[in-house]
N, C-alpha and C. Protein backbone atom coordinates (compact mmCIF):
# COMPACT_ATOMS: atom_id res chain seq x y z
N MET A 1 123.51 110.39 96.51
CA MET A 1 122.35 110.73 96.11
C MET A 1 122.49 112.33 95.95
N SER A 2 121.92 112.72 94.75
CA SER A 2 121.92 114.05 94.24
C SER A 2 120.54 114.35 93.69
N ILE A 3 120.00 115.48 94.26
CA ILE A 3 118.91 116.03 94.02
C ILE A 3 119.24 116.91 92.67
N GLY A 4 118.21 116.90 91.79
CA GLY A 4 118.61 117.70 90.60
C GLY A 4 117.31 118.79 90.49
N MET A 5 117.41 119.71 89.69
CA MET A 5 116.47 120.86 89.55
C MET A 5 114.92 120.26 89.17
N ALA A 6 114.01 120.55 90.26
CA ALA A 6 112.72 120.26 90.17
C ALA A 6 112.47 118.61 90.06
N ASP A 7 113.10 117.98 90.85
CA ASP A 7 112.97 116.47 91.10
C ASP A 7 111.79 116.30 91.99
N LYS A 8 111.00 115.21 91.42
CA LYS A 8 109.68 115.02 92.14
C LYS A 8 109.96 113.79 93.07
N ILE A 9 109.40 113.75 94.32
CA ILE A 9 109.49 112.85 95.26
C ILE A 9 108.04 112.54 95.56
N ALA A 10 107.72 111.29 95.69
CA ALA A 10 106.54 110.73 96.17
C ALA A 10 106.70 109.96 97.34
N ILE A 11 105.89 110.36 98.34
CA ILE A 11 105.83 109.67 99.79
C ILE A 11 104.55 109.15 99.93
N PHE A 12 104.50 107.88 99.93
CA PHE A 12 103.12 107.07 100.46
C PHE A 12 102.67 107.45 101.75
N GLN A 13 101.56 108.05 102.12
CA GLN A 13 101.00 108.63 103.14
C GLN A 13 99.94 108.05 103.75
N LEU A 14 99.74 107.93 105.13
CA LEU A 14 98.71 107.44 105.71
C LEU A 14 98.73 108.09 107.14
N ASN A 15 97.77 109.16 107.37
CA ASN A 15 97.53 109.97 108.54
C ASN A 15 98.79 110.57 108.75
N ASP A 16 99.31 111.29 107.75
CA ASP A 16 100.51 112.10 107.91
C ASP A 16 101.98 111.47 108.21
N ARG A 17 101.99 110.07 108.24
CA ARG A 17 103.15 109.23 108.46
C ARG A 17 103.22 108.53 107.01
N VAL A 18 104.55 108.12 107.07
CA VAL A 18 104.89 107.10 105.69
C VAL A 18 103.91 105.95 105.95
N ALA A 19 103.20 105.56 104.83
CA ALA A 19 102.46 104.34 104.80
C ALA A 19 103.24 103.15 104.76
N PRO A 20 102.53 102.11 105.75
CA PRO A 20 103.29 100.70 105.83
C PRO A 20 103.51 100.13 104.54
N ARG A 21 102.31 100.35 103.65
CA ARG A 21 102.18 99.44 102.36
C ARG A 21 101.90 100.26 101.27
N PHE A 22 102.85 100.15 100.13
CA PHE A 22 102.77 100.78 98.97
C PHE A 22 101.26 100.60 98.19
N ASP A 23 100.96 99.08 98.38
CA ASP A 23 99.74 98.84 97.54
C ASP A 23 98.36 98.91 98.46
N GLN A 24 98.40 99.42 99.59
CA GLN A 24 97.36 99.62 100.64
C GLN A 24 97.47 100.86 101.07
N CYS A 25 97.68 102.12 100.37
CA CYS A 25 97.61 103.32 100.84
C CYS A 25 96.57 104.51 99.86
N PRO A 26 96.00 105.14 100.82
CA PRO A 26 95.08 105.89 100.07
C PRO A 26 95.53 107.17 99.37
N GLU A 27 96.77 107.49 99.80
CA GLU A 27 97.26 108.93 98.99
C GLU A 27 98.68 108.94 99.20
N LEU A 28 99.12 109.82 98.31
CA LEU A 28 100.66 110.17 98.28
C LEU A 28 100.91 111.57 98.35
N VAL A 29 102.14 111.86 98.91
CA VAL A 29 102.53 113.31 98.86
C VAL A 29 103.54 113.44 97.84
N MET A 30 103.20 114.37 97.05
CA MET A 30 104.15 114.72 95.90
C MET A 30 104.88 116.15 96.17
N ALA A 31 106.13 115.90 96.28
CA ALA A 31 107.01 117.05 96.60
C ALA A 31 108.05 117.29 95.40
N THR A 32 107.94 118.59 94.94
CA THR A 32 108.99 119.02 93.88
C THR A 32 109.96 119.75 94.70
N ILE A 33 111.45 119.30 94.55
CA ILE A 33 112.49 119.88 95.01
C ILE A 33 113.45 120.52 94.13
N ASP A 34 113.77 121.86 94.48
CA ASP A 34 114.86 122.54 93.52
C ASP A 34 116.31 122.25 93.98
N ASP A 35 117.14 122.66 93.19
CA ASP A 35 118.73 122.38 93.38
C ASP A 35 119.21 122.87 94.61
N ALA A 36 118.61 123.79 95.45
CA ALA A 36 119.04 124.21 96.43
C ALA A 36 118.48 123.29 97.78
N GLY A 37 117.51 122.28 97.39
CA GLY A 37 117.05 121.56 98.37
C GLY A 37 115.84 122.00 99.03
N ALA A 38 115.18 122.96 98.36
CA ALA A 38 113.86 123.76 98.92
C ALA A 38 112.80 123.20 98.04
N VAL A 39 111.68 122.88 99.10
CA VAL A 39 110.43 122.22 98.56
C VAL A 39 109.80 123.33 97.65
N GLN A 40 109.59 123.28 96.52
CA GLN A 40 109.03 124.11 95.41
C GLN A 40 107.59 124.06 95.51
N GLU A 41 107.01 122.81 95.73
CA GLU A 41 105.43 122.63 95.70
C GLU A 41 105.46 121.10 96.52
N LYS A 42 104.28 121.24 97.15
CA LYS A 42 103.83 119.84 97.66
C LYS A 42 102.42 119.74 97.71
N LYS A 43 101.92 118.51 97.29
CA LYS A 43 100.56 118.41 97.06
C LYS A 43 100.27 116.88 97.49
N VAL A 44 99.13 116.56 97.76
CA VAL A 44 98.51 115.12 98.14
C VAL A 44 97.53 114.89 96.99
N LEU A 45 98.06 113.68 96.46
CA LEU A 45 97.24 112.96 95.31
C LEU A 45 96.44 111.66 95.96
N SER A 46 95.07 111.69 95.85
CA SER A 46 94.39 110.52 96.21
C SER A 46 94.75 109.47 95.11
N ILE A 47 95.08 108.13 95.80
CA ILE A 47 95.36 106.98 94.92
C ILE A 47 94.28 105.74 95.21
N VAL A 48 93.34 106.10 96.24
CA VAL A 48 92.74 105.11 96.87
C VAL A 48 91.95 104.11 95.75
N THR A 49 91.64 104.79 94.57
CA THR A 49 90.91 103.68 93.54
C THR A 49 91.96 103.05 92.61
N LEU A 50 93.20 103.33 92.68
CA LEU A 50 94.21 102.81 91.70
C LEU A 50 94.87 101.55 92.29
N LYS A 51 94.97 100.67 91.32
CA LYS A 51 95.73 99.40 91.32
C LYS A 51 97.45 99.79 91.50
N PRO A 52 98.01 98.85 91.96
CA PRO A 52 99.47 99.10 92.16
C PRO A 52 100.20 99.55 90.59
N GLN A 53 99.78 98.83 89.71
CA GLN A 53 100.43 99.22 88.55
C GLN A 53 100.00 100.38 88.05
N GLU A 54 98.70 100.86 88.26
CA GLU A 54 98.24 102.18 87.77
C GLU A 54 99.00 103.27 88.51
N VAL A 55 99.33 102.94 89.85
CA VAL A 55 100.16 103.98 90.72
C VAL A 55 101.60 104.26 90.12
N VAL A 56 102.04 103.03 89.81
CA VAL A 56 103.37 103.12 89.27
C VAL A 56 103.45 103.98 87.79
N ASN A 57 102.38 103.60 86.94
CA ASN A 57 102.12 104.28 85.84
C ASN A 57 102.05 105.71 85.92
N LEU A 58 101.18 106.22 87.00
CA LEU A 58 101.03 107.72 87.36
C LEU A 58 102.34 108.20 87.74
N LEU A 59 102.98 107.44 88.43
CA LEU A 59 104.37 108.20 89.14
C LEU A 59 105.36 108.19 87.86
N ASN A 60 105.37 107.40 86.76
CA ASN A 60 106.05 107.50 85.68
C ASN A 60 105.64 108.79 84.80
N ARG A 61 104.34 109.04 84.60
CA ARG A 61 103.72 110.08 83.73
C ARG A 61 104.10 111.23 84.53
N LEU A 62 104.10 111.49 85.86
CA LEU A 62 104.33 112.51 86.53
C LEU A 62 105.92 112.86 86.78
N GLN A 63 106.87 111.78 86.11
CA GLN A 63 108.17 111.92 86.09
C GLN A 63 108.78 112.02 87.52
N VAL A 64 108.28 111.34 88.23
CA VAL A 64 108.83 111.10 89.67
C VAL A 64 110.05 110.42 89.77
N LYS A 65 111.08 111.05 90.45
CA LYS A 65 112.42 110.39 90.53
C LYS A 65 112.75 109.51 91.72
N ALA A 66 111.92 109.42 92.59
CA ALA A 66 112.12 108.74 93.81
C ALA A 66 110.75 108.43 94.58
N VAL A 67 110.52 107.28 95.25
CA VAL A 67 109.56 106.96 96.05
C VAL A 67 109.81 106.36 97.33
N ILE A 68 109.31 107.08 98.27
CA ILE A 68 109.45 106.54 99.72
C ILE A 68 108.19 105.99 100.37
N CYS A 69 108.35 104.88 100.87
CA CYS A 69 107.25 104.13 101.46
C CYS A 69 107.77 103.10 102.60
N GLY A 70 106.94 102.37 103.21
CA GLY A 70 107.10 101.33 104.13
C GLY A 70 107.41 100.32 103.60
N GLY A 71 106.59 99.44 102.93
CA GLY A 71 106.84 98.44 102.25
C GLY A 71 106.31 98.30 100.86
N VAL A 72 107.04 97.66 100.09
CA VAL A 72 106.55 97.32 98.67
C VAL A 72 106.74 95.79 98.13
N LYS A 73 105.83 95.13 97.64
CA LYS A 73 106.03 93.73 97.12
C LYS A 73 106.87 93.79 96.01
N GLU A 74 107.53 92.57 95.71
CA GLU A 74 108.61 92.35 94.73
C GLU A 74 108.17 93.02 93.28
N GLN A 75 106.98 92.83 92.98
CA GLN A 75 106.44 93.25 91.73
C GLN A 75 106.48 94.73 91.49
N GLY A 76 105.96 95.24 92.72
CA GLY A 76 106.09 96.66 92.62
C GLY A 76 107.49 97.41 92.68
N GLN A 77 108.42 96.54 93.44
CA GLN A 77 109.75 96.98 93.02
C GLN A 77 110.23 96.98 91.75
N LYS A 78 110.09 95.69 91.05
CA LYS A 78 110.23 95.66 89.60
C LYS A 78 109.71 96.69 88.68
N ASP A 79 108.40 97.20 88.95
CA ASP A 79 107.91 98.24 88.11
C ASP A 79 108.45 99.27 88.36
N LEU A 80 108.79 99.69 89.56
CA LEU A 80 109.55 101.00 89.72
C LEU A 80 110.86 100.95 89.06
N GLU A 81 111.53 99.99 89.21
CA GLU A 81 112.93 99.72 88.70
C GLU A 81 112.88 100.15 87.11
N ARG A 82 111.69 99.42 86.38
CA ARG A 82 111.62 99.65 85.04
C ARG A 82 111.52 100.99 84.57
N TYR A 83 111.02 101.92 85.26
CA TYR A 83 110.84 103.19 84.98
C TYR A 83 111.94 104.07 85.40
N ASN A 84 112.97 103.38 86.09
CA ASN A 84 114.28 104.09 86.85
C ASN A 84 113.69 105.01 88.06
N ILE A 85 112.85 104.55 88.61
CA ILE A 85 112.33 105.40 89.83
C ILE A 85 112.91 104.73 90.93
N ARG A 86 113.78 105.70 91.69
CA ARG A 86 114.48 105.14 92.93
C ARG A 86 113.55 104.86 93.99
N LEU A 87 113.75 103.66 94.81
CA LEU A 87 112.84 103.15 95.77
C LEU A 87 113.72 103.39 97.13
N VAL A 88 113.09 104.09 98.20
CA VAL A 88 113.40 104.16 99.40
C VAL A 88 112.42 103.44 100.40
N ASP A 89 112.54 102.20 100.80
CA ASP A 89 111.49 101.60 101.44
C ASP A 89 111.89 101.08 102.94
N ASN A 90 111.07 100.56 103.62
CA ASN A 90 111.18 100.29 105.19
C ASN A 90 111.63 101.40 105.92
N VAL A 91 110.83 102.69 105.44
CA VAL A 91 110.80 103.77 106.09
C VAL A 91 109.69 104.02 107.04
N ILE A 92 109.83 104.62 108.35
CA ILE A 92 108.95 104.76 109.35
C ILE A 92 109.02 106.26 109.59
N GLY A 93 107.87 106.98 109.90
CA GLY A 93 108.20 108.34 110.34
C GLY A 93 107.02 109.41 109.72
N ASN A 94 107.30 110.58 110.46
CA ASN A 94 106.16 111.74 109.80
C ASN A 94 106.84 111.98 108.46
N VAL A 95 105.91 112.41 107.48
CA VAL A 95 106.14 112.72 106.28
C VAL A 95 107.16 113.80 105.97
N ASP A 96 106.71 114.75 106.72
CA ASP A 96 107.73 115.95 106.67
C ASP A 96 108.87 115.69 107.29
N HIS A 97 109.08 115.00 108.14
CA HIS A 97 110.55 114.72 108.74
C HIS A 97 111.43 113.76 107.68
N VAL A 98 110.67 112.74 107.24
CA VAL A 98 111.31 112.07 106.14
C VAL A 98 111.67 112.71 105.09
N LEU A 99 110.84 113.63 104.50
CA LEU A 99 111.07 114.48 103.32
C LEU A 99 112.26 115.20 103.66
N ALA A 100 112.39 115.68 104.92
CA ALA A 100 113.67 116.57 105.14
C ALA A 100 115.02 115.77 105.00
N LEU A 101 115.07 114.50 105.77
CA LEU A 101 116.00 113.57 105.76
C LEU A 101 116.44 113.26 104.41
N TYR A 102 115.46 113.19 103.53
CA TYR A 102 115.70 112.79 101.92
C TYR A 102 116.42 113.97 101.16
N ILE A 103 115.97 115.16 101.65
CA ILE A 103 116.68 116.34 100.91
C ILE A 103 118.14 116.63 101.47
N GLN A 104 118.34 116.07 102.86
CA GLN A 104 119.64 116.23 103.27
C GLN A 104 120.48 115.11 102.93
N GLY A 105 120.02 114.04 102.33
CA GLY A 105 120.90 112.83 101.81
C GLY A 105 120.93 111.90 102.80
N LYS A 106 120.19 111.94 103.93
CA LYS A 106 120.30 111.05 105.23
C LYS A 106 119.46 110.12 105.20
N LEU A 107 118.48 109.72 104.17
CA LEU A 107 117.41 108.78 104.24
C LEU A 107 117.86 107.61 103.29
N LYS A 108 117.84 106.50 103.86
CA LYS A 108 118.21 105.03 103.15
C LYS A 108 117.09 104.09 103.53
N SER A 109 116.93 103.37 102.62
CA SER A 109 115.97 102.08 102.94
C SER A 109 116.36 101.67 104.21
N GLY A 110 115.41 101.26 104.91
CA GLY A 110 115.39 100.69 106.49
C GLY A 110 115.91 101.61 107.49
N ASN A 111 116.19 102.94 107.11
CA ASN A 111 116.84 103.85 108.06
C ASN A 111 115.91 104.19 109.22
N THR A 112 116.44 103.64 110.32
CA THR A 112 115.56 103.96 111.48
C THR A 112 115.73 105.49 112.14
N GLU A 113 116.62 106.32 111.42
CA GLU A 113 116.81 107.65 111.72
C GLU A 113 115.18 108.33 111.41
N ALA A 114 114.61 107.86 110.64
CA ALA A 114 113.36 108.48 110.12
C ALA A 114 112.41 108.58 111.08
N PHE A 115 112.34 107.49 112.07
CA PHE A 115 111.53 107.32 113.11
C PHE A 115 111.65 108.26 114.18
N GLU A 116 110.47 108.92 114.49
CA GLU A 116 110.55 110.00 115.66
C GLU A 116 109.37 109.77 116.64
N GLY A 117 109.65 109.53 117.73
CA GLY A 117 108.39 109.61 118.85
C GLY A 117 107.78 108.19 118.58
C-alpha cells in the first residue's frame, strides 16, 4: 500500500471506535494524509440521515481513496469497488490507533492488530 499526496481516508466511527457496520453508522472520520504520512486534516462528518448508496456517492465526490470499517454488506463492497475505493473491513479498534496502523502500512482486512484493550 502506498499513500499518495493528500490521500483521503474514511473511517466509519461509533464512540471513537471503528463502527461494526458500514450501513448502521452515525458518522465517519475523514483524514487527509500527506506523502510523509502526516495527517494534514481530520474531521468528523455526520452520515446519520444518509442511505448506504448515498454514503458511497459522498465518498466518491470527496475523492476518498480508502474506507476502513467493521463490516459491509456485499452491495456496499461492490459500490466501493465501482469507484475504486479500497476497502479495509473486519477492523476493530480505536479510530486514532487504526488510522496510525493504516498510515504505517500495517492495517489489513481482518487484522486483529488493530484491537487494543
